[in-house]
N, C-alpha and C. Protein backbone atom coordinates (compact mmCIF):
# COMPACT_ATOMS: atom_id res chain seq x y z
N MET A 1 132.10 58.10 107.83
CA MET A 1 130.78 58.68 107.97
C MET A 1 129.76 57.55 107.90
N ASN A 2 128.89 57.49 108.87
CA ASN A 2 127.90 56.41 108.89
C ASN A 2 126.59 56.87 108.27
N ALA A 3 125.64 55.95 108.18
CA ALA A 3 124.35 56.23 107.54
C ALA A 3 123.56 57.29 108.30
N THR A 4 123.67 57.31 109.63
CA THR A 4 122.96 58.31 110.43
C THR A 4 123.47 59.70 110.12
N SER A 5 124.79 59.85 110.01
CA SER A 5 125.38 61.16 109.69
C SER A 5 124.93 61.65 108.32
N LEU A 6 124.89 60.72 107.36
CA LEU A 6 124.42 61.10 106.03
C LEU A 6 122.96 61.53 106.05
N LEU A 7 122.13 60.82 106.81
CA LEU A 7 120.72 61.14 106.90
C LEU A 7 120.50 62.50 107.54
N VAL A 8 121.24 62.79 108.62
CA VAL A 8 121.14 64.10 109.29
C VAL A 8 121.61 65.20 108.36
N GLY A 9 122.72 64.98 107.66
CA GLY A 9 123.24 65.99 106.73
C GLY A 9 122.27 66.27 105.60
N ALA A 10 121.68 65.21 105.04
CA ALA A 10 120.69 65.39 103.97
C ALA A 10 119.45 66.11 104.48
N SER A 11 119.04 65.81 105.70
CA SER A 11 117.87 66.49 106.28
C SER A 11 118.13 67.97 106.42
N LEU A 12 119.33 68.34 106.84
CA LEU A 12 119.66 69.76 107.00
C LEU A 12 119.63 70.49 105.66
N LEU A 13 119.99 69.82 104.60
CA LEU A 13 119.93 70.44 103.28
C LEU A 13 118.50 70.82 102.91
N PHE A 14 117.53 70.02 103.34
CA PHE A 14 116.14 70.32 103.03
C PHE A 14 115.54 71.34 103.99
N ILE A 15 116.02 71.39 105.22
CA ILE A 15 115.50 72.31 106.22
C ILE A 15 116.10 73.71 106.04
N ALA A 16 117.37 73.80 105.76
CA ALA A 16 118.08 75.08 105.70
C ALA A 16 117.47 76.06 104.71
N PRO A 17 117.09 75.63 103.48
CA PRO A 17 116.49 76.62 102.58
C PRO A 17 115.25 77.27 103.17
N GLY A 18 114.42 76.54 103.88
CA GLY A 18 113.23 77.11 104.50
C GLY A 18 113.59 78.12 105.58
N LEU A 19 114.66 77.84 106.32
CA LEU A 19 115.09 78.78 107.35
C LEU A 19 115.59 80.07 106.72
N ALA A 20 116.22 79.99 105.59
CA ALA A 20 116.73 81.19 104.93
C ALA A 20 115.60 82.08 104.47
N LEU A 21 114.42 81.50 104.20
CA LEU A 21 113.31 82.29 103.71
C LEU A 21 112.55 83.02 104.82
N ALA A 22 112.75 82.60 106.07
CA ALA A 22 112.02 83.23 107.17
C ALA A 22 112.42 84.70 107.29
N GLN A 23 111.45 85.57 107.53
CA GLN A 23 111.72 87.00 107.65
C GLN A 23 111.32 87.47 109.03
N SER A 24 112.20 88.24 109.65
CA SER A 24 111.90 88.73 111.00
C SER A 24 110.83 89.82 110.97
N ASN A 25 110.64 90.50 109.85
CA ASN A 25 109.66 91.58 109.79
C ASN A 25 108.32 91.13 109.22
N ASP A 26 108.01 89.84 109.36
CA ASP A 26 106.75 89.29 108.90
C ASP A 26 105.61 89.62 109.85
N ASP A 27 105.92 90.16 111.02
CA ASP A 27 104.87 90.62 111.92
C ASP A 27 105.29 91.94 112.57
N CYS A 28 104.34 92.60 113.18
CA CYS A 28 104.53 93.93 113.75
C CYS A 28 105.71 93.99 114.74
N SER A 29 105.81 93.01 115.60
CA SER A 29 106.85 93.05 116.64
C SER A 29 108.26 92.92 116.08
N GLY A 30 108.40 92.47 114.85
CA GLY A 30 109.72 92.34 114.24
C GLY A 30 109.98 93.38 113.17
N ALA A 31 109.29 94.53 113.22
CA ALA A 31 109.43 95.57 112.19
C ALA A 31 110.89 95.94 111.98
N THR A 32 111.29 96.02 110.72
CA THR A 32 112.65 96.39 110.36
C THR A 32 112.81 97.90 110.42
N PRO A 33 113.81 98.41 111.18
CA PRO A 33 114.03 99.86 111.22
C PRO A 33 114.56 100.37 109.87
N ILE A 34 113.99 101.45 109.38
CA ILE A 34 114.47 102.12 108.17
C ILE A 34 114.52 103.62 108.45
N THR A 35 115.34 104.33 107.69
CA THR A 35 115.47 105.77 107.91
C THR A 35 115.50 106.51 106.58
N GLY A 36 115.16 107.77 106.67
CA GLY A 36 115.29 108.69 105.55
C GLY A 36 114.24 108.53 104.48
N TYR A 37 114.29 109.47 103.55
CA TYR A 37 113.46 109.43 102.36
C TYR A 37 114.25 108.64 101.33
N ASN A 38 113.66 107.55 100.84
CA ASN A 38 114.43 106.67 99.98
C ASN A 38 113.51 105.66 99.32
N THR A 39 114.08 104.87 98.41
CA THR A 39 113.41 103.72 97.82
C THR A 39 113.94 102.49 98.55
N PHE A 40 113.03 101.64 99.01
CA PHE A 40 113.39 100.45 99.78
C PHE A 40 112.91 99.21 99.04
N SER A 41 113.73 98.18 98.98
CA SER A 41 113.37 96.92 98.34
C SER A 41 112.81 95.95 99.36
N PHE A 42 111.91 95.10 98.91
CA PHE A 42 111.35 94.07 99.77
C PHE A 42 111.03 92.84 98.93
N ASP A 43 110.80 91.73 99.60
CA ASP A 43 110.33 90.51 98.94
C ASP A 43 109.40 89.81 99.92
N ASN A 44 108.12 89.80 99.61
CA ASN A 44 107.14 89.20 100.52
C ASN A 44 106.74 87.78 100.10
N SER A 45 107.58 87.13 99.31
CA SER A 45 107.27 85.77 98.84
C SER A 45 107.01 84.80 99.97
N SER A 46 107.79 84.90 101.05
CA SER A 46 107.63 83.96 102.16
C SER A 46 106.86 84.56 103.33
N ALA A 47 106.30 85.73 103.15
CA ALA A 47 105.57 86.39 104.24
C ALA A 47 104.17 85.80 104.38
N THR A 48 103.59 86.03 105.55
CA THR A 48 102.22 85.61 105.82
C THR A 48 101.41 86.85 106.19
N ALA A 49 100.11 86.70 106.33
CA ALA A 49 99.27 87.81 106.79
C ALA A 49 99.34 87.88 108.31
N SER A 50 99.35 89.09 108.85
CA SER A 50 99.45 89.27 110.29
C SER A 50 98.13 89.09 111.01
N GLY A 51 97.05 88.99 110.29
CA GLY A 51 95.75 88.79 110.91
C GLY A 51 95.04 90.06 111.31
N VAL A 52 95.63 91.21 111.00
CA VAL A 52 95.02 92.50 111.33
C VAL A 52 94.25 92.98 110.09
N ASN A 53 92.93 92.99 110.16
CA ASN A 53 92.11 93.47 109.05
C ASN A 53 91.75 94.92 109.34
N ASP A 54 92.45 95.85 108.74
CA ASP A 54 92.19 97.23 109.10
C ASP A 54 92.07 98.20 107.93
N CYS A 55 92.29 97.77 106.74
CA CYS A 55 92.17 98.67 105.60
C CYS A 55 90.77 98.51 105.04
N ASN A 56 89.83 99.28 105.57
CA ASN A 56 88.42 99.15 105.23
C ASN A 56 87.91 97.74 105.53
N GLY A 57 88.44 97.17 106.62
CA GLY A 57 88.04 95.83 107.04
C GLY A 57 88.71 94.71 106.27
N LEU A 58 89.64 95.05 105.40
CA LEU A 58 90.32 94.05 104.57
C LEU A 58 91.76 93.87 105.04
N PRO A 59 92.32 92.69 104.86
CA PRO A 59 93.69 92.45 105.31
C PRO A 59 94.73 92.93 104.31
N VAL A 60 95.92 93.18 104.83
CA VAL A 60 97.11 93.36 104.00
C VAL A 60 97.72 91.97 103.95
N ARG A 61 97.65 91.33 102.81
CA ARG A 61 98.09 89.94 102.70
C ARG A 61 99.60 89.88 102.48
N LYS A 62 100.21 88.79 102.96
CA LYS A 62 101.64 88.58 102.80
C LYS A 62 102.40 89.87 103.15
N ASP A 63 102.13 90.38 104.35
CA ASP A 63 102.63 91.69 104.75
C ASP A 63 104.01 91.65 105.40
N LEU A 64 104.72 92.76 105.22
CA LEU A 64 106.00 93.01 105.86
C LEU A 64 105.90 94.33 106.61
N TRP A 65 106.61 94.44 107.73
CA TRP A 65 106.52 95.60 108.61
C TRP A 65 107.86 96.33 108.69
N TYR A 66 107.79 97.66 108.70
CA TYR A 66 108.97 98.52 108.81
C TYR A 66 108.68 99.61 109.83
N GLU A 67 109.71 100.03 110.57
CA GLU A 67 109.56 101.15 111.51
C GLU A 67 110.42 102.30 111.00
N TRP A 68 109.75 103.39 110.66
CA TRP A 68 110.40 104.57 110.08
C TRP A 68 110.24 105.74 111.03
N THR A 69 111.33 106.50 111.24
CA THR A 69 111.29 107.68 112.11
C THR A 69 111.39 108.94 111.25
N ALA A 70 110.46 109.87 111.48
CA ALA A 70 110.40 111.11 110.70
C ALA A 70 111.56 112.02 111.07
N THR A 71 112.22 112.56 110.06
CA THR A 71 113.33 113.50 110.27
C THR A 71 112.86 114.95 110.29
N SER A 72 111.59 115.17 109.91
CA SER A 72 111.03 116.52 109.93
C SER A 72 109.51 116.40 110.05
N THR A 73 108.87 117.51 110.39
CA THR A 73 107.41 117.54 110.47
C THR A 73 106.88 117.98 109.11
N ASN A 74 106.20 117.07 108.44
CA ASN A 74 105.62 117.38 107.14
C ASN A 74 104.74 116.24 106.67
N SER A 75 104.16 116.41 105.53
CA SER A 75 103.35 115.37 104.92
C SER A 75 104.28 114.42 104.17
N VAL A 76 104.02 113.12 104.32
CA VAL A 76 104.90 112.10 103.76
C VAL A 76 104.12 111.23 102.79
N LEU A 77 104.74 110.90 101.66
CA LEU A 77 104.17 109.93 100.73
C LEU A 77 104.81 108.57 100.99
N PHE A 78 103.98 107.54 101.07
CA PHE A 78 104.42 106.15 101.20
C PHE A 78 103.76 105.45 100.03
N GLU A 79 104.56 104.91 99.09
CA GLU A 79 103.96 104.41 97.86
C GLU A 79 104.77 103.30 97.20
N THR A 80 104.05 102.52 96.39
CA THR A 80 104.67 101.55 95.50
C THR A 80 104.50 102.01 94.05
N CYS A 81 103.76 103.10 93.82
CA CYS A 81 103.54 103.63 92.47
C CYS A 81 104.87 103.92 91.79
N GLY A 82 104.99 103.56 90.53
CA GLY A 82 106.19 103.87 89.76
C GLY A 82 107.40 103.05 90.14
N THR A 83 107.21 101.96 90.89
CA THR A 83 108.35 101.13 91.30
C THR A 83 108.34 99.82 90.51
N ASN A 84 109.35 99.01 90.77
CA ASN A 84 109.46 97.69 90.15
C ASN A 84 108.72 96.66 91.01
N THR A 85 107.42 96.86 91.17
CA THR A 85 106.58 95.93 91.92
C THR A 85 105.54 95.41 90.93
N ALA A 86 105.46 94.09 90.80
CA ALA A 86 104.64 93.49 89.74
C ALA A 86 103.33 92.89 90.24
N PHE A 87 102.85 93.31 91.40
CA PHE A 87 101.58 92.80 91.91
C PHE A 87 100.84 93.92 92.62
N GLU A 88 99.52 93.75 92.78
CA GLU A 88 98.71 94.76 93.44
C GLU A 88 99.08 94.84 94.92
N THR A 89 99.23 96.07 95.42
CA THR A 89 99.70 96.26 96.79
C THR A 89 98.64 96.92 97.67
N ARG A 90 98.83 96.75 98.96
CA ARG A 90 98.03 97.42 99.99
C ARG A 90 99.04 97.94 101.01
N LEU A 91 98.87 99.20 101.45
CA LEU A 91 99.77 99.84 102.40
C LEU A 91 98.98 100.32 103.61
N ALA A 92 99.63 100.35 104.77
CA ALA A 92 99.00 100.88 105.98
C ALA A 92 100.08 101.52 106.85
N VAL A 93 99.67 102.52 107.65
CA VAL A 93 100.59 103.24 108.54
C VAL A 93 99.95 103.37 109.92
N TYR A 94 100.76 103.16 110.96
CA TYR A 94 100.33 103.25 112.36
C TYR A 94 101.39 104.02 113.13
N PRO A 95 101.02 104.70 114.23
CA PRO A 95 102.06 105.26 115.09
C PRO A 95 102.81 104.10 115.75
N ALA A 96 104.15 104.21 115.83
CA ALA A 96 104.96 103.12 116.39
C ALA A 96 104.76 102.96 117.89
N ASN A 97 104.15 103.95 118.55
CA ASN A 97 103.92 103.82 119.98
C ASN A 97 102.70 102.95 120.27
N SER A 98 102.01 102.49 119.23
CA SER A 98 100.89 101.57 119.41
C SER A 98 101.43 100.20 119.79
N SER A 99 100.71 99.50 120.61
CA SER A 99 101.05 98.13 120.92
C SER A 99 100.66 97.29 119.71
N CYS A 100 101.49 96.32 119.37
CA CYS A 100 101.16 95.47 118.22
C CYS A 100 99.84 94.74 118.44
N GLY A 101 99.44 94.59 119.70
CA GLY A 101 98.17 93.93 119.99
C GLY A 101 96.96 94.83 119.80
N SER A 102 97.18 96.15 119.79
CA SER A 102 96.07 97.10 119.61
C SER A 102 96.55 98.29 118.80
N LEU A 103 96.75 98.06 117.52
CA LEU A 103 97.26 99.10 116.63
C LEU A 103 96.22 100.17 116.37
N THR A 104 96.70 101.41 116.22
CA THR A 104 95.85 102.54 115.87
C THR A 104 96.17 102.91 114.42
N LEU A 105 95.25 102.64 113.52
CA LEU A 105 95.48 102.91 112.11
C LEU A 105 95.48 104.42 111.85
N LEU A 106 96.53 104.92 111.20
CA LEU A 106 96.54 106.31 110.75
C LEU A 106 95.91 106.42 109.37
N THR A 107 96.33 105.55 108.46
CA THR A 107 95.80 105.56 107.10
C THR A 107 96.15 104.26 106.40
N CYS A 108 95.38 103.94 105.37
CA CYS A 108 95.68 102.79 104.54
C CYS A 108 95.12 103.04 103.15
N ALA A 109 95.61 102.28 102.19
CA ALA A 109 95.13 102.40 100.81
C ALA A 109 95.49 101.13 100.06
N ALA A 110 94.82 100.93 98.95
CA ALA A 110 95.09 99.77 98.10
C ALA A 110 94.83 100.10 96.64
N ALA A 111 95.75 99.69 95.80
CA ALA A 111 95.58 99.72 94.34
C ALA A 111 94.95 101.01 93.83
N ASN A 112 95.49 102.17 94.21
CA ASN A 112 94.91 103.44 93.80
C ASN A 112 95.76 104.21 92.78
N CYS A 113 96.74 103.55 92.17
CA CYS A 113 97.59 104.21 91.17
C CYS A 113 97.20 103.82 89.75
N GLY A 114 95.94 103.61 89.51
CA GLY A 114 95.49 103.29 88.17
C GLY A 114 95.58 101.81 87.87
N ALA A 115 95.75 101.48 86.62
CA ALA A 115 95.70 100.10 86.15
C ALA A 115 96.82 99.23 86.71
N SER A 116 97.88 99.83 87.22
CA SER A 116 99.02 99.05 87.73
C SER A 116 98.67 98.27 88.99
N GLY A 117 97.68 98.73 89.75
CA GLY A 117 97.34 98.08 91.00
C GLY A 117 98.27 98.45 92.14
N LEU A 118 99.15 99.40 91.89
CA LEU A 118 100.07 99.85 92.93
C LEU A 118 99.39 100.92 93.77
N THR A 119 100.05 101.33 94.86
CA THR A 119 99.36 102.11 95.89
C THR A 119 100.17 103.33 96.34
N ARG A 120 99.42 104.41 96.67
CA ARG A 120 100.03 105.62 97.24
C ARG A 120 99.15 106.09 98.38
N LEU A 121 99.79 106.50 99.47
CA LEU A 121 99.06 107.16 100.55
C LEU A 121 99.92 108.27 101.11
N SER A 122 99.28 109.18 101.81
CA SER A 122 99.96 110.32 102.41
C SER A 122 99.51 110.42 103.86
N PHE A 123 100.43 110.82 104.73
CA PHE A 123 100.09 111.03 106.14
C PHE A 123 100.97 112.13 106.70
N SER A 124 100.51 112.74 107.77
CA SER A 124 101.26 113.81 108.44
C SER A 124 102.20 113.19 109.45
N ALA A 125 103.48 113.48 109.30
CA ALA A 125 104.51 112.95 110.20
C ALA A 125 105.03 114.07 111.09
N VAL A 126 105.43 113.71 112.30
CA VAL A 126 106.00 114.65 113.26
C VAL A 126 107.46 114.27 113.50
N GLN A 127 108.34 115.26 113.40
CA GLN A 127 109.77 115.02 113.55
C GLN A 127 110.06 114.26 114.84
N GLY A 128 110.88 113.21 114.72
CA GLY A 128 111.30 112.41 115.86
C GLY A 128 110.35 111.28 116.21
N GLN A 129 109.13 111.29 115.68
CA GLN A 129 108.19 110.20 115.96
C GLN A 129 108.39 109.06 114.97
N SER A 130 108.15 107.85 115.45
CA SER A 130 108.29 106.66 114.61
C SER A 130 106.93 106.17 114.16
N TYR A 131 106.92 105.54 112.99
CA TYR A 131 105.69 105.04 112.38
C TYR A 131 105.92 103.60 111.91
N LEU A 132 104.93 102.75 112.13
CA LEU A 132 104.96 101.39 111.60
C LEU A 132 104.35 101.44 110.21
N MET A 133 105.11 100.98 109.22
CA MET A 133 104.66 100.99 107.83
C MET A 133 104.55 99.54 107.37
N ARG A 134 103.41 99.23 106.82
CA ARG A 134 103.08 97.86 106.44
C ARG A 134 102.85 97.79 104.94
N VAL A 135 103.56 96.92 104.26
CA VAL A 135 103.42 96.75 102.82
C VAL A 135 103.11 95.28 102.54
N GLY A 136 102.18 95.05 101.63
CA GLY A 136 101.84 93.67 101.28
C GLY A 136 100.98 93.59 100.04
N SER A 137 100.43 92.42 99.84
CA SER A 137 99.62 92.13 98.66
C SER A 137 98.15 92.51 98.90
N ARG A 138 97.51 92.95 97.85
CA ARG A 138 96.08 93.24 97.92
C ARG A 138 95.26 91.98 97.69
N GLN A 139 95.73 91.11 96.81
CA GLN A 139 95.00 89.91 96.41
C GLN A 139 95.71 88.65 96.93
N VAL A 140 94.99 87.54 96.97
CA VAL A 140 95.57 86.24 97.30
C VAL A 140 95.84 85.49 96.02
N GLY A 141 96.71 84.49 96.11
CA GLY A 141 96.95 83.62 94.97
C GLY A 141 98.31 83.83 94.35
N ALA A 142 98.64 82.94 93.45
CA ALA A 142 99.93 82.97 92.76
C ALA A 142 100.09 84.28 92.00
N GLY A 143 101.29 84.78 91.98
CA GLY A 143 101.58 86.02 91.26
C GLY A 143 101.23 87.28 92.02
N ASN A 144 100.74 87.14 93.25
CA ASN A 144 100.37 88.31 94.05
C ASN A 144 101.35 88.54 95.19
N ASN A 145 102.60 88.26 94.92
CA ASN A 145 103.68 88.54 95.87
C ASN A 145 104.99 88.44 95.13
N GLY A 146 106.06 88.71 95.83
CA GLY A 146 107.38 88.61 95.23
C GLY A 146 108.21 89.83 95.57
N PRO A 147 109.25 90.07 94.77
CA PRO A 147 110.09 91.24 95.02
C PRO A 147 109.36 92.52 94.59
N GLY A 148 109.67 93.59 95.28
CA GLY A 148 109.10 94.88 94.95
C GLY A 148 109.85 96.00 95.63
N GLN A 149 109.31 97.18 95.50
CA GLN A 149 109.92 98.37 96.10
C GLN A 149 108.81 99.28 96.63
N PHE A 150 109.16 100.04 97.67
CA PHE A 150 108.31 101.13 98.11
C PHE A 150 109.17 102.35 98.30
N VAL A 151 108.53 103.52 98.21
CA VAL A 151 109.22 104.79 98.31
C VAL A 151 108.61 105.58 99.46
N ILE A 152 109.47 106.19 100.26
CA ILE A 152 109.04 107.14 101.29
C ILE A 152 109.67 108.47 100.89
N SER A 153 108.81 109.50 100.73
CA SER A 153 109.31 110.81 100.29
C SER A 153 108.48 111.92 100.93
N ALA A 154 109.05 113.12 100.93
CA ALA A 154 108.30 114.29 101.38
C ALA A 154 107.25 114.60 100.32
N ASP A 155 106.04 114.84 100.75
CA ASP A 155 104.95 115.14 99.83
C ASP A 155 105.15 116.54 99.27
N PRO A 156 105.33 116.68 97.94
CA PRO A 156 105.54 118.01 97.37
C PRO A 156 104.32 118.91 97.48
N CYS A 157 103.17 118.35 97.76
CA CYS A 157 101.95 119.14 97.93
C CYS A 157 101.57 119.22 99.40
N ASP A 158 102.56 119.29 100.25
CA ASP A 158 102.38 119.27 101.70
C ASP A 158 101.52 120.43 102.18
N PRO A 159 100.34 120.14 102.72
CA PRO A 159 99.48 121.22 103.21
C PRO A 159 99.97 121.83 104.52
N VAL A 160 100.92 121.15 105.21
CA VAL A 160 101.45 121.68 106.47
C VAL A 160 102.32 122.90 106.20
N GLN A 161 103.01 122.89 105.06
CA GLN A 161 103.86 124.01 104.68
C GLN A 161 102.97 125.12 104.11
N ASP A 162 102.94 126.27 104.73
CA ASP A 162 102.09 127.36 104.26
C ASP A 162 102.94 128.61 104.13
N ASP A 163 102.92 129.21 102.95
CA ASP A 163 103.72 130.41 102.70
C ASP A 163 102.97 131.70 103.02
N GLN A 164 101.75 131.59 103.53
CA GLN A 164 100.93 132.74 103.91
C GLN A 164 100.55 133.63 102.73
N LEU A 165 100.72 133.15 101.50
CA LEU A 165 100.32 133.88 100.32
C LEU A 165 98.90 133.43 99.99
N GLU A 166 97.92 134.03 100.66
CA GLU A 166 96.53 133.58 100.54
C GLU A 166 95.85 134.33 99.39
N GLU A 167 94.93 133.76 98.81
CA GLU A 167 94.58 132.35 98.69
C GLU A 167 95.22 131.84 97.41
N ASN A 168 96.31 131.18 97.56
CA ASN A 168 97.09 130.71 96.43
C ASN A 168 97.64 129.32 96.73
N ASP A 169 96.85 128.51 97.47
CA ASP A 169 97.36 127.24 97.96
C ASP A 169 97.10 126.04 97.08
N ASP A 170 96.36 126.19 96.02
CA ASP A 170 96.15 125.07 95.11
C ASP A 170 95.98 125.59 93.70
N CYS A 171 96.02 124.70 92.73
CA CYS A 171 95.94 125.09 91.32
C CYS A 171 94.65 125.82 90.99
N ALA A 172 93.55 125.43 91.61
CA ALA A 172 92.26 126.03 91.30
C ALA A 172 92.19 127.49 91.73
N SER A 173 92.98 127.88 92.73
CA SER A 173 92.93 129.26 93.21
C SER A 173 94.24 130.00 92.94
N ALA A 174 94.98 129.57 91.92
CA ALA A 174 96.27 130.19 91.61
C ALA A 174 96.11 131.68 91.30
N VAL A 175 97.00 132.47 91.86
CA VAL A 175 97.00 133.91 91.66
C VAL A 175 98.27 134.28 90.90
N PRO A 176 98.15 135.04 89.80
CA PRO A 176 99.37 135.45 89.07
C PRO A 176 100.23 136.35 89.95
N LEU A 177 101.53 136.12 89.91
CA LEU A 177 102.47 136.95 90.66
C LEU A 177 103.25 137.81 89.68
N PRO A 178 103.37 139.10 89.97
CA PRO A 178 104.21 139.94 89.10
C PRO A 178 105.67 139.56 89.29
N ASP A 179 106.50 139.96 88.31
CA ASP A 179 107.93 139.69 88.43
C ASP A 179 108.45 140.30 89.74
N GLY A 180 109.41 139.63 90.33
CA GLY A 180 109.98 140.11 91.57
C GLY A 180 110.54 138.97 92.38
N THR A 181 110.97 139.29 93.58
CA THR A 181 111.54 138.31 94.50
C THR A 181 110.58 138.11 95.65
N TYR A 182 110.33 136.86 95.98
CA TYR A 182 109.41 136.51 97.07
C TYR A 182 110.14 135.54 97.99
N SER A 183 110.13 135.82 99.26
CA SER A 183 110.80 134.92 100.22
C SER A 183 109.76 134.04 100.90
N ASN A 184 110.21 132.93 101.45
CA ASN A 184 109.39 132.00 102.21
C ASN A 184 108.21 131.43 101.44
N LEU A 185 108.38 131.23 100.15
CA LEU A 185 107.32 130.60 99.36
C LEU A 185 107.54 129.09 99.37
N TRP A 186 106.44 128.35 99.39
CA TRP A 186 106.52 126.90 99.36
C TRP A 186 105.91 126.43 98.06
N CYS A 187 106.68 125.72 97.25
CA CYS A 187 106.21 125.23 95.97
C CYS A 187 105.98 123.75 96.02
């Protein structure tokens, strides 16, 4: 082995770790496909901002992109609240049929789960349609990225589901029900 071979080998040792950190879902066009209602892990340590300022004119920093397809028509929760995420988050959702060059924002939110700085948002999903989901940091600087989790779940307070028991659709207008059997109720 000559000196040139050693130099090339040593150079690869320094380059390879950086290549391992690259993420394909660091921008909209490389969104990672995900399915179902579940908890998903992410690590945005090596992510960058996509340059799209759309959450009240503010960016989602160190963002990662996911493409999720709805399995039913209902209201969906997309959140980092209650997860093992140790930094303030910002979330955004777009229809997947949008061009990455001209995204149509459905909804976004940041740090709305109290003192934790984690985030929850809700949006109406249509069965079979795909949505681009963006998760990232709310703040810049050290400690505002790293490993975390987000949850996609059916919203238990889904306003799309209506049991036709009027007016009994929220806690403020709750109507006492006598004992008995009731079909097609949505709780």
